[in-house]
Amino acid sequence: METLMGLFFWSMLLTTGSSLKCEVCKAVGNNCTGKIVECAAKENACGTMWVDVRRDEDTVSTISKGCMSKKICKFLRITIGIPYGRKTLKNIQCSMAPPSTASLPLALSGFLLKKILL
C-alpha cells in the first residue's frame, strides 16, 4: 500500500511538469508576439505559420503562432505553396514538446517524497 501511495505522488508530480506552453499571436507581416499559453493535452507542438493572402492584385503576408498537434503540422507541411482560395501557406515551423526529461527535477522530488512517506 505504501509503495502504491508513493508511486501515486510520484506520477502526479511527473505529469504536472510536462505540459507544453506556446506563444499565441496573429499579425500582418512576418513577426508577432503574444501571450504564452498552456496547450491542451492533444496539442503537442508549437506552430508558426506564414500565409500569403491575395487581395485583388496585392498580396499581404500574415503570421500566426499557437499550439497544434504534430499530425496537423505534418499535414500542413505538404500543403506549402498550394493555393487555397485566396490563401497560400508560405512556410510552417513546428517545435515539438520537450522530452520527458524536462520534468526530471519533479520526478526526483516525487521519489524523495516517496522515501519520506515510507
PDB file of N, CA and C in Angstrom:
ATOM      1  N   MET A   1       0.823  -1.195   0.000  1.00  0.00           N
ATOM      2  CA  MET A   1       0.000   0.000   0.000  1.00  0.00           C
ATOM      3  C   MET A   1       0.861   1.250   0.000  1.00  0.00           C
ATOM      4  N   GLU A   2       1.921   1.232   0.835  1.00  0.00           N
ATOM      5  CA  GLU A   2       2.791   2.405   0.903  1.00  0.00           C
ATOM      6  C   GLU A   2       3.492   2.639  -0.423  1.00  0.00           C
ATOM      7  N   THR A   3       3.877   1.578  -1.100  1.00  0.00           N
ATOM      8  CA  THR A   3       4.537   1.709  -2.399  1.00  0.00           C
ATOM      9  C   THR A   3       3.579   2.326  -3.413  1.00  0.00           C
ATOM     10  N   LEU A   4       2.326   1.872  -3.410  1.00  0.00           N
ATOM     11  CA  LEU A   4       1.335   2.434  -4.331  1.00  0.00           C
ATOM     12  C   LEU A   4       1.111   3.915  -4.061  1.00  0.00           C
ATOM     13  N   MET A   5       1.083   4.306  -2.790  1.00  0.00           N
ATOM     14  CA  MET A   5       0.887   5.709  -2.453  1.00  0.00           C
ATOM     15  C   MET A   5       2.077   6.539  -2.934  1.00  0.00           C
ATOM     16  N   GLY A   6       3.277   6.027  -2.765  1.00  0.00           N
ATOM     17  CA  GLY A   6       4.473   6.722  -3.227  1.00  0.00           C
ATOM     18  C   GLY A   6       4.478   6.876  -4.741  1.00  0.00           C
ATOM     19  N   LEU A   7       4.098   5.811  -5.453  1.00  0.00           N
ATOM     20  CA  LEU A   7       4.031   5.878  -6.910  1.00  0.00           C
ATOM     21  C   LEU A   7       2.964   6.863  -7.378  1.00  0.00           C
ATOM     22  N   PHE A   8       1.861   6.927  -6.653  1.00  0.00           N
ATOM     23  CA  PHE A   8       0.810   7.883  -6.996  1.00  0.00           C
ATOM     24  C   PHE A   8       1.339   9.311  -6.914  1.00  0.00           C
ATOM     25  N   PHE A   9       1.986   9.657  -5.800  1.00  0.00           N
ATOM     26  CA  PHE A   9       2.533  11.009  -5.653  1.00  0.00           C
ATOM     27  C   PHE A   9       3.599  11.290  -6.700  1.00  0.00           C
ATOM     28  N   TRP A  10       4.426  10.311  -6.987  1.00  0.00           N
ATOM     29  CA  TRP A  10       5.479  10.481  -7.983  1.00  0.00           C
ATOM     30  C   TRP A  10       4.879  10.761  -9.361  1.00  0.00           C
ATOM     31  N   SER A  11       3.836  10.005  -9.736  1.00  0.00           N
ATOM     32  CA  SER A  11       3.217  10.202 -11.046  1.00  0.00           C
ATOM     33  C   SER A  11       2.493  11.536 -11.127  1.00  0.00           C
ATOM     34  N   MET A  12       1.907  11.984 -10.032  1.00  0.00           N
ATOM     35  CA  MET A  12       1.240  13.289 -10.024  1.00  0.00           C
ATOM     36  C   MET A  12       2.254  14.403 -10.256  1.00  0.00           C
ATOM     37  N   LEU A  13       3.383  14.331  -9.602  1.00  0.00           N
ATOM     38  CA  LEU A  13       4.413  15.353  -9.785  1.00  0.00           C
ATOM     39  C   LEU A  13       4.991  15.304 -11.186  1.00  0.00           C
ATOM     40  N   LEU A  14       5.155  14.133 -11.728  1.00  0.00           N
ATOM     41  CA  LEU A  14       5.724  13.996 -13.058  1.00  0.00           C
ATOM     42  C   LEU A  14       4.814  14.597 -14.114  1.00  0.00           C
ATOM     43  N   THR A  15       3.513  14.355 -14.024  1.00  0.00           N
ATOM     44  CA  THR A  15       2.608  14.852 -15.055  1.00  0.00           C
ATOM     45  C   THR A  15       2.384  16.347 -14.958  1.00  0.00           C
ATOM     46  N   THR A  16       2.469  16.940 -13.795  1.00  0.00           N
ATOM     47  CA  THR A  16       2.212  18.373 -13.699  1.00  0.00           C
ATOM     48  C   THR A  16       3.318  19.195 -14.326  1.00  0.00           C
ATOM     49  N   GLY A  17       4.510  18.657 -14.476  1.00  0.00           N
ATOM     50  CA  GLY A  17       5.604  19.438 -15.016  1.00  0.00           C
ATOM     51  C   GLY A  17       5.844  19.239 -16.491  1.00  0.00           C
ATOM     52  N   SER A  18       5.014  18.460 -17.182  1.00  0.00           N
ATOM     53  CA  SER A  18       5.321  18.125 -18.563  1.00  0.00           C
ATOM     54  C   SER A  18       4.411  18.813 -19.583  1.00  0.00           C
ATOM     55  N   SER A  19       3.612  19.782 -19.193  1.00  0.00           N
ATOM     56  CA  SER A  19       2.722  20.418 -20.150  1.00  0.00           C
ATOM     57  C   SER A  19       3.489  21.401 -21.033  1.00  0.00           C
ATOM     58  N   LEU A  20       3.082  21.489 -22.268  1.00  0.00           N
ATOM     59  CA  LEU A  20       3.722  22.348 -23.256  1.00  0.00           C
ATOM     60  C   LEU A  20       3.108  23.741 -23.211  1.00  0.00           C
ATOM     61  N   LYS A  21       3.930  24.750 -23.330  1.00  0.00           N
ATOM     62  CA  LYS A  21       3.459  26.133 -23.389  1.00  0.00           C
ATOM     63  C   LYS A  21       3.973  26.754 -24.671  1.00  0.00           C
ATOM     64  N   CYS A  22       3.096  27.484 -25.364  1.00  0.00           N
ATOM     65  CA  CYS A  22       3.446  28.109 -26.636  1.00  0.00           C
ATOM     66  C   CYS A  22       2.984  29.565 -26.653  1.00  0.00           C
ATOM     67  N   GLU A  23       3.649  30.343 -27.476  1.00  0.00           N
ATOM     68  CA  GLU A  23       3.231  31.723 -27.707  1.00  0.00           C
ATOM     69  C   GLU A  23       2.065  31.698 -28.693  1.00  0.00           C
ATOM     70  N   VAL A  24       1.049  32.542 -28.438  1.00  0.00           N
ATOM     71  CA  VAL A  24      -0.118  32.611 -29.317  1.00  0.00           C
ATOM     72  C   VAL A  24      -0.282  34.049 -29.801  1.00  0.00           C
ATOM     73  N   CYS A  25      -0.298  34.222 -31.133  1.00  0.00           N
ATOM     74  CA  CYS A  25      -0.493  35.560 -31.709  1.00  0.00           C
ATOM     75  C   CYS A  25      -0.818  35.450 -33.194  1.00  0.00           C
ATOM     76  N   LYS A  26      -1.349  36.540 -33.745  1.00  0.00           N
ATOM     77  CA  LYS A  26      -1.619  36.681 -35.177  1.00  0.00           C
ATOM     78  C   LYS A  26      -1.311  38.114 -35.549  1.00  0.00           C
ATOM     79  N   ALA A  27      -0.734  38.323 -36.743  1.00  0.00           N
ATOM     80  CA  ALA A  27      -0.423  39.679 -37.174  1.00  0.00           C
ATOM     81  C   ALA A  27      -0.196  39.713 -38.682  1.00  0.00           C
ATOM     82  N   VAL A  28      -0.268  40.921 -39.218  1.00  0.00           N
ATOM     83  CA  VAL A  28       0.141  41.156 -40.597  1.00  0.00           C
ATOM     84  C   VAL A  28       1.640  41.381 -40.559  1.00  0.00           C
ATOM     85  N   GLY A  29       2.363  40.750 -41.480  1.00  0.00           N
ATOM     86  CA  GLY A  29       3.816  40.862 -41.503  1.00  0.00           C
ATOM     87  C   GLY A  29       4.460  39.522 -41.239  1.00  0.00           C
ATOM     88  N   ASN A  30       5.728  39.563 -40.817  1.00  0.00           N
ATOM     89  CA  ASN A  30       6.483  38.327 -40.636  1.00  0.00           C
ATOM     90  C   ASN A  30       6.826  38.012 -39.192  1.00  0.00           C
ATOM     91  N   ASN A  31       6.314  38.794 -38.241  1.00  0.00           N
ATOM     92  CA  ASN A  31       6.614  38.535 -36.840  1.00  0.00           C
ATOM     93  C   ASN A  31       5.447  38.985 -35.969  1.00  0.00           C
ATOM     94  N   CYS A  32       5.278  38.334 -34.839  1.00  0.00           N
ATOM     95  CA  CYS A  32       4.267  38.745 -33.865  1.00  0.00           C
ATOM     96  C   CYS A  32       4.687  38.267 -32.493  1.00  0.00           C
ATOM     97  N   THR A  33       4.147  38.906 -31.480  1.00  0.00           N
ATOM     98  CA  THR A  33       4.379  38.477 -30.098  1.00  0.00           C
ATOM     99  C   THR A  33       3.029  38.407 -29.398  1.00  0.00           C
ATOM    100  N   GLY A  34       2.933  37.514 -28.437  1.00  0.00           N
ATOM    101  CA  GLY A  34       1.669  37.351 -27.735  1.00  0.00           C
ATOM    102  C   GLY A  34       1.854  36.660 -26.408  1.00  0.00           C
ATOM    103  N   LYS A  35       0.751  36.220 -25.865  1.00  0.00           N
ATOM    104  CA  LYS A  35       0.752  35.541 -24.573  1.00  0.00           C
ATOM    105  C   LYS A  35       1.304  34.123 -24.712  1.00  0.00           C
ATOM    106  N   ILE A  36       1.915  33.659 -23.621  1.00  0.00           N
ATOM    107  CA  ILE A  36       2.330  32.261 -23.534  1.00  0.00           C
ATOM    108  C   ILE A  36       1.180  31.515 -22.853  1.00  0.00           C
ATOM    109  N   VAL A  37       0.665  30.498 -23.541  1.00  0.00           N
ATOM    110  CA  VAL A  37      -0.462  29.733 -23.008  1.00  0.00           C
ATOM    111  C   VAL A  37      -0.079  28.272 -22.869  1.00  0.00           C
ATOM    112  N   GLU A  38      -0.771  27.584 -21.960  1.00  0.00           N
ATOM    113  CA  GLU A  38      -0.582  26.153 -21.794  1.00  0.00           C
ATOM    114  C   GLU A  38      -1.439  25.440 -22.835  1.00  0.00           C
ATOM    115  N   CYS A  39      -0.835  24.529 -23.557  1.00  0.00           N
ATOM    116  CA  CYS A  39      -1.538  23.816 -24.622  1.00  0.00           C
ATOM    117  C   CYS A  39      -2.409  22.698 -24.046  1.00  0.00           C
ATOM    118  N   ALA A  40      -3.435  22.356 -24.800  1.00  0.00           N
ATOM    119  CA  ALA A  40      -4.293  21.224 -24.435  1.00  0.00           C
ATOM    120  C   ALA A  40      -3.492  19.930 -24.566  1.00  0.00           C
ATOM    121  N   ALA A  41      -3.977  18.870 -23.961  1.00  0.00           N
ATOM    122  CA  ALA A  41      -3.262  17.593 -23.941  1.00  0.00           C
ATOM    123  C   ALA A  41      -2.977  17.062 -25.346  1.00  0.00           C
ATOM    124  N   LYS A  42      -3.904  17.248 -26.281  1.00  0.00           N
ATOM    125  CA  LYS A  42      -3.730  16.731 -27.638  1.00  0.00           C
ATOM    126  C   LYS A  42      -2.798  17.598 -28.483  1.00  0.00           C
ATOM    127  N   GLU A  43      -2.505  18.797 -28.022  1.00  0.00           N
ATOM    128  CA  GLU A  43      -1.636  19.713 -28.762  1.00  0.00           C
ATOM    129  C   GLU A  43      -0.209  19.546 -28.232  1.00  0.00           C
ATOM    130  N   ASN A  44       0.628  18.895 -29.034  1.00  0.00           N
ATOM    131  CA  ASN A  44       1.970  18.558 -28.577  1.00  0.00           C
ATOM    132  C   ASN A  44       3.066  19.244 -29.391  1.00  0.00           C
ATOM    133  N   ALA A  45       2.745  20.385 -30.001  1.00  0.00           N
ATOM    134  CA  ALA A  45       3.736  21.148 -30.757  1.00  0.00           C
ATOM    135  C   ALA A  45       3.356  22.627 -30.744  1.00  0.00           C
ATOM    136  N   CYS A  46       4.377  23.474 -30.839  1.00  0.00           N
ATOM    137  CA  CYS A  46       4.166  24.906 -31.034  1.00  0.00           C
ATOM    138  C   CYS A  46       4.370  25.173 -32.515  1.00  0.00           C
ATOM    139  N   GLY A  47       3.402  25.811 -33.139  1.00  0.00           N
ATOM    140  CA  GLY A  47       3.496  26.051 -34.578  1.00  0.00           C
ATOM    141  C   GLY A  47       3.539  27.520 -34.928  1.00  0.00           C
ATOM    142  N   THR A  48       4.304  27.828 -35.965  1.00  0.00           N
ATOM    143  CA  THR A  48       4.343  29.166 -36.547  1.00  0.00           C
ATOM    144  C   THR A  48       4.061  29.016 -38.034  1.00  0.00           C
ATOM    145  N   MET A  49       3.032  29.734 -38.518  1.00  0.00           N
ATOM    146  CA  MET A  49       2.652  29.643 -39.928  1.00  0.00           C
ATOM    147  C   MET A  49       2.728  31.017 -40.581  1.00  0.00           C
ATOM    148  N   TRP A  50       3.321  31.047 -41.763  1.00  0.00           N
ATOM    149  CA  TRP A  50       3.342  32.258 -42.571  1.00  0.00           C
ATOM    150  C   TRP A  50       2.442  32.015 -43.767  1.00  0.00           C
ATOM    151  N   VAL A  51       1.459  32.894 -43.956  1.00  0.00           N
ATOM    152  CA  VAL A  51       0.462  32.723 -45.013  1.00  0.00           C
ATOM    153  C   VAL A  51       0.400  34.001 -45.840  1.00  0.00           C
ATOM    154  N   ASP A  52       0.372  33.847 -47.159  1.00  0.00           N
ATOM    155  CA  ASP A  52       0.135  34.973 -48.059  1.00  0.00           C
ATOM    156  C   ASP A  52      -1.344  35.004 -48.400  1.00  0.00           C
ATOM    157  N   VAL A  53      -1.946  36.188 -48.283  1.00  0.00           N
ATOM    158  CA  VAL A  53      -3.354  36.368 -48.599  1.00  0.00           C
ATOM    159  C   VAL A  53      -3.449  37.330 -49.780  1.00  0.00           C
ATOM    160  N   ARG A  54      -4.095  36.883 -50.870  1.00  0.00           N
ATOM    161  CA  ARG A  54      -4.286  37.728 -52.056  1.00  0.00           C
ATOM    162  C   ARG A  54      -5.491  38.623 -51.858  1.00  0.00           C
ATOM    163  N   ARG A  55      -5.308  39.893 -52.126  1.00  0.00           N
ATOM    164  CA  ARG A  55      -6.414  40.863 -52.131  1.00  0.00           C
ATOM    165  C   ARG A  55      -6.313  41.633 -53.433  1.00  0.00           C
ATOM    166  N   ASP A  56      -7.227  41.336 -54.333  1.00  0.00           N
ATOM    167  CA  ASP A  56      -7.182  41.889 -55.688  1.00  0.00           C
ATOM    168  C   ASP A  56      -5.825  41.568 -56.306  1.00  0.00           C
ATOM    169  N   GLU A  57      -5.014  42.582 -56.591  1.00  0.00           N
ATOM    170  CA  GLU A  57      -3.696  42.324 -57.184  1.00  0.00           C
ATOM    171  C   GLU A  57      -2.574  42.365 -56.153  1.00  0.00           C
ATOM    172  N   ASP A  58      -2.894  42.673 -54.908  1.00  0.00           N
ATOM    173  CA  ASP A  58      -1.887  42.745 -53.856  1.00  0.00           C
ATOM    174  C   ASP A  58      -1.848  41.442 -53.062  1.00  0.00           C
ATOM    175  N   THR A  59      -0.710  41.217 -52.424  1.00  0.00           N
ATOM    176  CA  THR A  59      -0.548  40.075 -51.533  1.00  0.00           C
ATOM    177  C   THR A  59      -0.110  40.582 -50.168  1.00  0.00           C
ATOM    178  N   VAL A  60      -0.804  40.127 -49.136  1.00  0.00           N
ATOM    179  CA  VAL A  60      -0.484  40.516 -47.762  1.00  0.00           C
ATOM    180  C   VAL A  60       0.063  39.284 -47.038  1.00  0.00           C
ATOM    181  N   SER A  61       1.220  39.449 -46.397  1.00  0.00           N
ATOM    182  CA  SER A  61       1.803  38.352 -45.615  1.00  0.00           C
ATOM    183  C   SER A  61       1.290  38.415 -44.190  1.00  0.00           C
ATOM    184  N   THR A  62       0.936  37.260 -43.654  1.00  0.00           N
ATOM    185  CA  THR A  62       0.464  37.182 -42.268  1.00  0.00           C
ATOM    186  C   THR A  62       1.239  36.089 -41.536  1.00  0.00           C
ATOM    187  N   ILE A  63       1.221  36.181 -40.212  1.00  0.00           N
ATOM    188  CA  ILE A  63       1.862  35.178 -39.372  1.00  0.00           C
ATOM    189  C   ILE A  63       0.900  34.799 -38.260  1.00  0.00           C
ATOM    190  N   SER A  64       0.927  33.559 -37.864  1.00  0.00           N
ATOM    191  CA  SER A  64       0.161  33.124 -36.687  1.00  0.00           C
ATOM    192  C   SER A  64       0.976  32.071 -35.948  1.00  0.00           C
ATOM    193  N   LYS A  65       0.923  32.148 -34.622  1.00  0.00           N
ATOM    194  CA  LYS A  65       1.634  31.218 -33.754  1.00  0.00           C
ATOM    195  C   LYS A  65       0.641  30.626 -32.770  1.00  0.00           C
ATOM    196  N   GLY A  66       0.866  29.383 -32.384  1.00  0.00           N
ATOM    197  CA  GLY A  66      -0.005  28.763 -31.391  1.00  0.00           C
ATOM    198  C   GLY A  66       0.271  27.285 -31.214  1.00  0.00           C
ATOM    199  N   CYS A  67      -0.564  26.658 -30.406  1.00  0.00           N
ATOM    200  CA  CYS A  67      -0.470  25.227 -30.128  1.00  0.00           C
ATOM    201  C   CYS A  67      -1.124  24.443 -31.256  1.00  0.00           C
ATOM    202  N   MET A  68      -0.569  23.294 -31.574  1.00  0.00           N
ATOM    203  CA  MET A  68      -1.179  22.403 -32.563  1.00  0.00           C
ATOM    204  C   MET A  68      -0.668  20.985 -32.328  1.00  0.00           C
ATOM    205  N   SER A  69      -1.282  20.049 -33.004  1.00  0.00           N
ATOM    206  CA  SER A  69      -0.823  18.669 -32.882  1.00  0.00           C
ATOM    207  C   SER A  69       0.273  18.407 -33.921  1.00  0.00           C
ATOM    208  N   LYS A  70       1.108  17.413 -33.654  1.00  0.00           N
ATOM    209  CA  LYS A  70       2.157  17.035 -34.600  1.00  0.00           C
ATOM    210  C   LYS A  70       1.545  16.590 -35.926  1.00  0.00           C
ATOM    211  N   LYS A  71       0.390  15.912 -35.861  1.00  0.00           N
ATOM    212  CA  LYS A  71      -0.269  15.428 -37.077  1.00  0.00           C
ATOM    213  C   LYS A  71      -0.681  16.585 -37.979  1.00  0.00           C
ATOM    214  N   ILE A  72      -1.260  17.630 -37.375  1.00  0.00           N
ATOM    215  CA  ILE A  72      -1.670  18.806 -38.155  1.00  0.00           C
ATOM    216  C   ILE A  72      -0.446  19.461 -38.783  1.00  0.00           C
ATOM    217  N   CYS A  73       0.617  19.574 -38.018  1.00  0.00           N
ATOM    218  CA  CYS A  73       1.845  20.186 -38.519  1.00  0.00           C
ATOM    219  C   CYS A  73       2.379  19.416 -39.725  1.00  0.00           C
ATOM    220  N   LYS A  74       2.436  18.095 -39.613  1.00  0.00           N
ATOM    221  CA  LYS A  74       2.934  17.277 -40.728  1.00  0.00           C
ATOM    222  C   LYS A  74       2.042  17.421 -41.955  1.00  0.00           C
ATOM    223  N   PHE A  75       0.726  17.470 -41.738  1.00  0.00           N
ATOM    224  CA  PHE A  75      -0.199  17.636 -42.859  1.00  0.00           C
ATOM    225  C   PHE A  75       0.011  18.988 -43.533  1.00  0.00           C
ATOM    226  N   LEU A  76       0.117  20.038 -42.735  1.00  0.00           N
ATOM    227  CA  LEU A  76       0.268  21.371 -43.307  1.00  0.00           C
ATOM    228  C   LEU A  76       1.582  21.523 -44.074  1.00  0.00           C
ATOM    229  N   ARG A  77       2.612  20.814 -43.667  1.00  0.00           N
ATOM    230  CA  ARG A  77       3.901  20.895 -44.384  1.00  0.00           C
ATOM    231  C   ARG A  77       3.760  20.469 -45.838  1.00  0.00           C
ATOM    232  N   ILE A  78       2.907  19.497 -46.109  1.00  0.00           N
ATOM    233  CA  ILE A  78       2.761  19.044 -47.501  1.00  0.00           C
ATOM    234  C   ILE A  78       1.890  19.984 -48.323  1.00  0.00           C
ATOM    235  N   THR A  79       1.239  20.947 -47.668  1.00  0.00           N
ATOM    236  CA  THR A  79       0.394  21.894 -48.411  1.00  0.00           C
ATOM    237  C   THR A  79       1.103  23.225 -48.684  1.00  0.00           C
ATOM    238  N   ILE A  80       2.369  23.341 -48.307  1.00  0.00           N
ATOM    239  CA  ILE A  80       3.110  24.590 -48.540  1.00  0.00           C
ATOM    240  C   ILE A  80       3.123  24.886 -50.038  1.00  0.00           C
ATOM    241  N   GLY A  81       2.759  26.104 -50.393  1.00  0.00           N
ATOM    242  CA  GLY A  81       2.780  26.551 -51.784  1.00  0.00           C
ATOM    243  C   GLY A  81       1.520  26.248 -52.570  1.00  0.00           C
ATOM    244  N   ILE A  82       0.615  25.470 -52.022  1.00  0.00           N
ATOM    245  CA  ILE A  82      -0.629  25.141 -52.731  1.00  0.00           C
ATOM    246  C   ILE A  82      -1.690  26.175 -52.365  1.00  0.00           C
ATOM    247  N   PRO A  83      -2.208  26.931 -53.349  1.00  0.00           N
ATOM    248  CA  PRO A  83      -3.227  27.943 -53.041  1.00  0.00           C
ATOM    249  C   PRO A  83      -4.520  27.303 -52.540  1.00  0.00           C
ATOM    250  N   TYR A  84      -5.131  27.937 -51.537  1.00  0.00           N
ATOM    251  CA  TYR A  84      -6.423  27.526 -51.019  1.00  0.00           C
ATOM    252  C   TYR A  84      -7.287  28.779 -51.015  1.00  0.00           C
ATOM    253  N   GLY A  85      -8.065  28.950 -52.065  1.00  0.00           N
ATOM    254  CA  GLY A  85      -8.819  30.189 -52.220  1.00  0.00           C
ATOM    255  C   GLY A  85      -7.856  31.351 -52.400  1.00  0.00           C
ATOM    256  N   ARG A  86      -7.952  32.330 -51.534  1.00  0.00           N
ATOM    257  CA  ARG A  86      -7.061  33.494 -51.614  1.00  0.00           C
ATOM    258  C   ARG A  86      -5.816  33.324 -50.751  1.00  0.00           C
ATOM    259  N   LYS A  87      -5.703  32.196 -50.047  1.00  0.00           N
ATOM    260  CA  LYS A  87      -4.588  31.993 -49.117  1.00  0.00           C
ATOM    261  C   LYS A  87      -3.614  30.939 -49.637  1.00  0.00           C
ATOM    262  N   THR A  88      -2.337  31.177 -49.356  1.00  0.00           N
ATOM    263  CA  THR A  88      -1.293  30.208 -49.682  1.00  0.00           C
ATOM    264  C   THR A  88      -0.349  30.106 -48.497  1.00  0.00           C
ATOM    265  N   LEU A  89      -0.178  28.896 -47.982  1.00  0.00           N
ATOM    266  CA  LEU A  89       0.759  28.673 -46.883  1.00  0.00           C
ATOM    267  C   LEU A  89       2.171  28.798 -47.445  1.00  0.00           C
ATOM    268  N   LYS A  90       2.906  29.780 -46.922  1.00  0.00           N
ATOM    269  CA  LYS A  90       4.269  30.040 -47.377  1.00  0.00           C
ATOM    270  C   LYS A  90       5.280  29.149 -46.664  1.00  0.00           C
ATOM    271  N   ASN A  91       5.103  28.996 -45.357  1.00  0.00           N
ATOM    272  CA  ASN A  91       6.044  28.208 -44.564  1.00  0.00           C
ATOM    273  C   ASN A  91       5.375  27.840 -43.240  1.00  0.00           C
ATOM    274  N   ILE A  92       5.870  26.781 -42.626  1.00  0.00           N
ATOM    275  CA  ILE A  92       5.403  26.391 -41.299  1.00  0.00           C
ATOM    276  C   ILE A  92       6.588  25.814 -40.532  1.00  0.00           C
ATOM    277  N   GLN A  93       6.669  26.194 -39.274  1.00  0.00           N
ATOM    278  CA  GLN A  93       7.687  25.630 -38.379  1.00  0.00           C
ATOM    279  C   GLN A  93       6.973  25.101 -37.150  1.00  0.00           C
ATOM    280  N   CYS A  94       7.350  23.918 -36.750  1.00  0.00           N
ATOM    281  CA  CYS A  94       6.756  23.319 -35.558  1.00  0.00           C
ATOM    282  C   CYS A  94       7.860  22.846 -34.633  1.00  0.00           C
ATOM    283  N   SER A  95       7.783  23.276 -33.390  1.00  0.00           N
ATOM    284  CA  SER A  95       8.713  22.756 -32.390  1.00  0.00           C
ATOM    285  C   SER A  95       7.912  21.808 -31.517  1.00  0.00           C
ATOM    286  N   MET A  96       8.441  20.623 -31.374  1.00  0.00           N
ATOM    287  CA  MET A  96       7.725  19.586 -30.657  1.00  0.00           C
ATOM    288  C   MET A  96       7.863  19.767 -29.151  1.00  0.00           C
ATOM    289  N   ALA A  97       7.014  19.056 -28.424  1.00  0.00           N
ATOM    290  CA  ALA A  97       7.022  19.115 -26.958  1.00  0.00           C
ATOM    291  C   ALA A  97       8.397  18.718 -26.434  1.00  0.00           C
ATOM    292  N   PRO A  98       8.814  19.331 -25.325  1.00  0.00           N
ATOM    293  CA  PRO A  98      10.109  18.971 -24.759  1.00  0.00           C
ATOM    294  C   PRO A  98      10.099  17.520 -24.292  1.00  0.00           C
ATOM    295  N   PRO A  99      11.274  16.886 -24.274  1.00  0.00           N
ATOM    296  CA  PRO A  99      11.321  15.493 -23.826  1.00  0.00           C
ATOM    297  C   PRO A  99      10.894  15.361 -22.377  1.00  0.00           C
ATOM    298  N   SER A 100      10.524  14.149 -21.994  1.00  0.00           N
ATOM    299  CA  SER A 100      10.025  13.930 -20.635  1.00  0.00           C
ATOM    300  C   SER A 100      11.095  14.212 -19.586  1.00  0.00           C
ATOM    301  N   THR A 101      12.368  14.260 -19.970  1.00  0.00           N
ATOM    302  CA  THR A 101      13.421  14.564 -19.002  1.00  0.00           C
ATOM    303  C   THR A 101      13.347  16.009 -18.535  1.00  0.00           C
ATOM    304  N   ALA A 102      12.525  16.820 -19.190  1.00  0.00           N
ATOM    305  CA  ALA A 102      12.365  18.212 -18.769  1.00  0.00           C
ATOM    306  C   ALA A 102      11.746  18.287 -17.379  1.00  0.00           C
ATOM    307  N   SER A 103      11.023  17.253 -16.979  1.00  0.00           N
ATOM    308  CA  SER A 103      10.415  17.244 -15.649  1.00  0.00           C
ATOM    309  C   SER A 103      11.196  16.368 -14.678  1.00  0.00           C
ATOM    310  N   LEU A 104      12.472  16.145 -14.962  1.00  0.00           N
ATOM    311  CA  LEU A 104      13.304  15.331 -14.098  1.00  0.00           C
ATOM    312  C   LEU A 104      13.366  15.841 -12.665  1.00  0.00           C
ATOM    313  N   PRO A 105      13.516  17.166 -12.433  1.00  0.00           N
ATOM    314  CA  PRO A 105      13.525  17.626 -11.033  1.00  0.00           C
ATOM    315  C   PRO A 105      12.240  17.271 -10.288  1.00  0.00           C
ATOM    316  N   LEU A 106      11.097  17.342 -10.962  1.00  0.00           N
ATOM    317  CA  LEU A 106       9.839  16.970 -10.317  1.00  0.00           C
ATOM    318  C   LEU A 106       9.793  15.466 -10.027  1.00  0.00           C
ATOM    319  N   ALA A 107      10.319  14.679 -10.942  1.00  0.00           N
ATOM    320  CA  ALA A 107      10.339  13.232 -10.718  1.00  0.00           C
ATOM    321  C   ALA A 107      11.219  12.897  -9.517  1.00  0.00           C
ATOM    322  N   LEU A 108      12.358  13.555  -9.413  1.00  0.00           N
ATOM    323  CA  LEU A 108      13.239  13.321  -8.269  1.00  0.00           C
ATOM    324  C   LEU A 108      12.567  13.754  -6.968  1.00  0.00           C
ATOM    325  N   SER A 109      11.832  14.868  -7.023  1.00  0.00           N
ATOM    326  CA  SER A 109      11.096  15.311  -5.834  1.00  0.00           C
ATOM    327  C   SER A 109      10.076  14.268  -5.414  1.00  0.00           C
ATOM    328  N   GLY A 110       9.402  13.678  -6.388  1.00  0.00           N
ATOM    329  CA  GLY A 110       8.431  12.629  -6.093  1.00  0.00           C
ATOM    330  C   GLY A 110       9.088  11.409  -5.487  1.00  0.00           C
ATOM    331  N   PHE A 111      10.259  11.063  -6.003  1.00  0.00           N
ATOM    332  CA  PHE A 111      10.990   9.925  -5.453  1.00  0.00           C
ATOM    333  C   PHE A 111      11.384  10.192  -3.996  1.00  0.00           C
ATOM    334  N   LEU A 112      11.863  11.412  -3.714  1.00  0.00           N
ATOM    335  CA  LEU A 112      12.228  11.772  -2.333  1.00  0.00           C
ATOM    336  C   LEU A 112      11.006  11.752  -1.427  1.00  0.00           C
ATOM    337  N   LEU A 113       9.874  12.243  -1.936  1.00  0.00           N
ATOM    338  CA  LEU A 113       8.644  12.229  -1.153  1.00  0.00           C
ATOM    339  C   LEU A 113       8.236  10.797  -0.821  1.00  0.00           C
ATOM    340  N   LYS A 114       8.410   9.920  -1.774  1.00  0.00           N
ATOM    341  CA  LYS A 114       8.090   8.506  -1.554  1.00  0.00           C
ATOM    342  C   LYS A 114       8.956   7.936  -0.435  1.00  0.00           C
ATOM    343  N   LYS A 115      10.244   8.264  -0.451  1.00  0.00           N
ATOM    344  CA  LYS A 115      11.164   7.778   0.581  1.00  0.00           C
ATOM    345  C   LYS A 115      10.772   8.314   1.963  1.00  0.00           C
ATOM    346  N   ILE A 116      10.328   9.577   2.000  1.00  0.00           N
ATOM    347  CA  ILE A 116       9.922  10.188   3.272  1.00  0.00           C
ATOM    348  C   ILE A 116       8.679   9.501   3.816  1.00  0.00           C
ATOM    349  N   LEU A 117       7.721   9.222   2.928  1.00  0.00           N
ATOM    350  CA  LEU A 117       6.451   8.613   3.344  1.00  0.00           C
ATOM    351  C   LEU A 117       6.624   7.165   3.767  1.00  0.00           C
ATOM    352  N   LEU A 118       7.596   6.501   3.208  1.00  0.00           N
ATOM    353  CA  LEU A 118       7.787   5.073   3.534  1.00  0.00           C
ATOM    354  C   LEU A 118       8.718   5.007   4.693  1.00  0.00           C
TER     355      LEU A 118
END
